[in-house]
Amino acid sequence: MSLQSRIDTLKSRHASLDDRIRDEDHRPLPDSGVLASLKLQKLRLKEEMERLQHH
């Protein structure tokens, strides 16, 4: 997998996590544990994208 396609895959997963976070946050009783986990995953993806873009 090329570097750019890896970055594109990470961007797609990052956007998907955004959707999942928004969906969970708009539930009548959002699960704070789920939100924390999703946000942590999103942060890790962002850090990996930044690392790859500056590689």
N, C-alpha and C. Protein backbone atom coordinates (compact mmCIF):
# COMPACT_ATOMS: atom_id res chain seq x y z
N MET A 1 0.86 -1.18 0.00
CA MET A 1 0.00 0.00 0.00
C MET A 1 0.90 1.24 0.00
N SER A 2 0.60 2.16 -0.90
CA SER A 2 1.40 3.38 -0.96
C SER A 2 1.11 4.27 0.24
N LEU A 3 2.02 5.19 0.47
CA LEU A 3 1.87 6.11 1.59
C LEU A 3 0.58 6.91 1.47
N GLN A 4 0.30 7.41 0.26
CA GLN A 4 -0.91 8.23 0.08
C GLN A 4 -2.17 7.41 0.29
N SER A 5 -2.19 6.17 -0.18
CA SER A 5 -3.40 5.37 0.03
C SER A 5 -3.56 5.02 1.50
N ARG A 6 -2.46 4.87 2.23
CA ARG A 6 -2.55 4.64 3.68
C ARG A 6 -3.16 5.86 4.36
N ILE A 7 -2.70 7.04 3.99
CA ILE A 7 -3.23 8.28 4.55
C ILE A 7 -4.72 8.42 4.21
N ASP A 8 -5.08 8.11 2.97
CA ASP A 8 -6.48 8.19 2.56
C ASP A 8 -7.36 7.24 3.37
N THR A 9 -6.85 6.04 3.62
CA THR A 9 -7.58 5.06 4.43
C THR A 9 -7.77 5.59 5.85
N LEU A 10 -6.73 6.18 6.41
CA LEU A 10 -6.82 6.74 7.76
C LEU A 10 -7.83 7.89 7.80
N LYS A 11 -7.83 8.73 6.76
CA LYS A 11 -8.79 9.84 6.70
C LYS A 11 -10.22 9.32 6.67
N SER A 12 -10.43 8.26 5.93
CA SER A 12 -11.76 7.66 5.84
C SER A 12 -12.19 7.10 7.20
N ARG A 13 -11.29 6.41 7.87
CA ARG A 13 -11.60 5.88 9.20
C ARG A 13 -11.84 7.01 10.19
N HIS A 14 -11.09 8.10 10.06
CA HIS A 14 -11.24 9.27 10.93
C HIS A 14 -12.63 9.87 10.75
N ALA A 15 -13.07 10.00 9.49
CA ALA A 15 -14.40 10.54 9.21
C ALA A 15 -15.49 9.61 9.74
N SER A 16 -15.27 8.32 9.63
CA SER A 16 -16.24 7.35 10.14
C SER A 16 -16.36 7.47 11.66
N LEU A 17 -15.24 7.66 12.33
CA LEU A 17 -15.27 7.85 13.78
C LEU A 17 -16.01 9.13 14.14
N ASP A 18 -15.83 10.19 13.34
CA ASP A 18 -16.58 11.43 13.56
C ASP A 18 -18.08 11.15 13.55
N ASP A 19 -18.52 10.38 12.57
CA ASP A 19 -19.94 10.04 12.47
C ASP A 19 -20.40 9.24 13.68
N ARG A 20 -19.59 8.27 14.09
CA ARG A 20 -19.97 7.44 15.23
C ARG A 20 -20.02 8.26 16.53
N ILE A 21 -19.09 9.21 16.67
CA ILE A 21 -19.07 10.08 17.85
C ILE A 21 -20.33 10.96 17.85
N ARG A 22 -20.65 11.54 16.71
CA ARG A 22 -21.83 12.39 16.59
C ARG A 22 -23.10 11.59 16.90
N ASP A 23 -23.18 10.37 16.35
CA ASP A 23 -24.36 9.52 16.60
C ASP A 23 -24.49 9.20 18.09
N GLU A 24 -23.39 8.82 18.71
CA GLU A 24 -23.43 8.47 20.14
C GLU A 24 -23.79 9.69 20.97
N ASP A 25 -23.23 10.84 20.62
CA ASP A 25 -23.46 12.07 21.38
C ASP A 25 -24.92 12.53 21.29
N HIS A 26 -25.61 12.17 20.21
CA HIS A 26 -26.99 12.59 20.03
C HIS A 26 -28.00 11.57 20.55
N ARG A 27 -27.54 10.48 21.10
CA ARG A 27 -28.45 9.51 21.71
C ARG A 27 -29.06 10.12 22.97
N PRO A 28 -30.23 9.67 23.38
CA PRO A 28 -30.84 10.21 24.60
C PRO A 28 -29.94 10.05 25.84
N LEU A 29 -29.25 8.94 25.94
CA LEU A 29 -28.32 8.71 27.04
C LEU A 29 -26.97 8.26 26.49
N PRO A 30 -26.14 9.21 26.04
CA PRO A 30 -24.85 8.83 25.47
C PRO A 30 -23.99 8.09 26.49
N ASP A 31 -23.27 7.10 26.02
CA ASP A 31 -22.38 6.31 26.88
C ASP A 31 -21.02 7.01 26.90
N SER A 32 -20.65 7.56 28.04
CA SER A 32 -19.40 8.32 28.13
C SER A 32 -18.18 7.42 27.89
N GLY A 33 -18.27 6.17 28.25
CA GLY A 33 -17.16 5.24 28.00
C GLY A 33 -16.96 5.00 26.51
N VAL A 34 -18.06 4.84 25.80
CA VAL A 34 -17.99 4.65 24.34
C VAL A 34 -17.44 5.92 23.69
N LEU A 35 -17.94 7.07 24.12
CA LEU A 35 -17.45 8.34 23.55
C LEU A 35 -15.96 8.51 23.79
N ALA A 36 -15.50 8.21 24.99
CA ALA A 36 -14.07 8.34 25.30
C ALA A 36 -13.24 7.42 24.42
N SER A 37 -13.70 6.20 24.24
CA SER A 37 -12.98 5.24 23.41
C SER A 37 -12.92 5.70 21.95
N LEU A 38 -14.05 6.16 21.43
CA LEU A 38 -14.09 6.63 20.05
C LEU A 38 -13.19 7.84 19.85
N LYS A 39 -13.21 8.76 20.81
CA LYS A 39 -12.38 9.96 20.70
C LYS A 39 -10.90 9.61 20.78
N LEU A 40 -10.55 8.64 21.59
CA LEU A 40 -9.15 8.20 21.68
C LEU A 40 -8.71 7.56 20.36
N GLN A 41 -9.56 6.74 19.78
CA GLN A 41 -9.25 6.13 18.48
C GLN A 41 -9.05 7.21 17.43
N LYS A 42 -9.91 8.22 17.45
CA LYS A 42 -9.83 9.31 16.48
C LYS A 42 -8.52 10.08 16.66
N LEU A 43 -8.14 10.33 17.90
CA LEU A 43 -6.89 11.04 18.17
C LEU A 43 -5.69 10.24 17.66
N ARG A 44 -5.70 8.94 17.90
CA ARG A 44 -4.59 8.09 17.43
C ARG A 44 -4.49 8.09 15.91
N LEU A 45 -5.63 8.06 15.24
CA LEU A 45 -5.62 8.13 13.78
C LEU A 45 -5.05 9.47 13.31
N LYS A 46 -5.46 10.54 13.96
CA LYS A 46 -4.97 11.87 13.59
C LYS A 46 -3.46 11.95 13.76
N GLU A 47 -2.97 11.43 14.88
CA GLU A 47 -1.53 11.44 15.13
C GLU A 47 -0.78 10.63 14.08
N GLU A 48 -1.32 9.47 13.70
CA GLU A 48 -0.67 8.65 12.69
C GLU A 48 -0.68 9.34 11.33
N MET A 49 -1.80 10.00 10.99
CA MET A 49 -1.86 10.73 9.72
C MET A 49 -0.81 11.84 9.69
N GLU A 50 -0.69 12.58 10.79
CA GLU A 50 0.29 13.66 10.85
C GLU A 50 1.71 13.12 10.73
N ARG A 51 1.96 12.00 11.39
CA ARG A 51 3.29 11.39 11.33
C ARG A 51 3.62 10.98 9.89
N LEU A 52 2.66 10.38 9.21
CA LEU A 52 2.88 9.93 7.84
C LEU A 52 3.02 11.10 6.87
N GLN A 53 2.27 12.17 7.10
CA GLN A 53 2.33 13.33 6.20
C GLN A 53 3.65 14.07 6.33
N HIS A 54 4.30 13.97 7.48
CA HIS A 54 5.58 14.66 7.69
C HIS A 54 6.75 13.71 7.54
N HIS A 55 6.48 12.53 7.02
CA HIS A 55 7.50 11.50 6.86
C HIS A 55 8.38 11.78 5.67
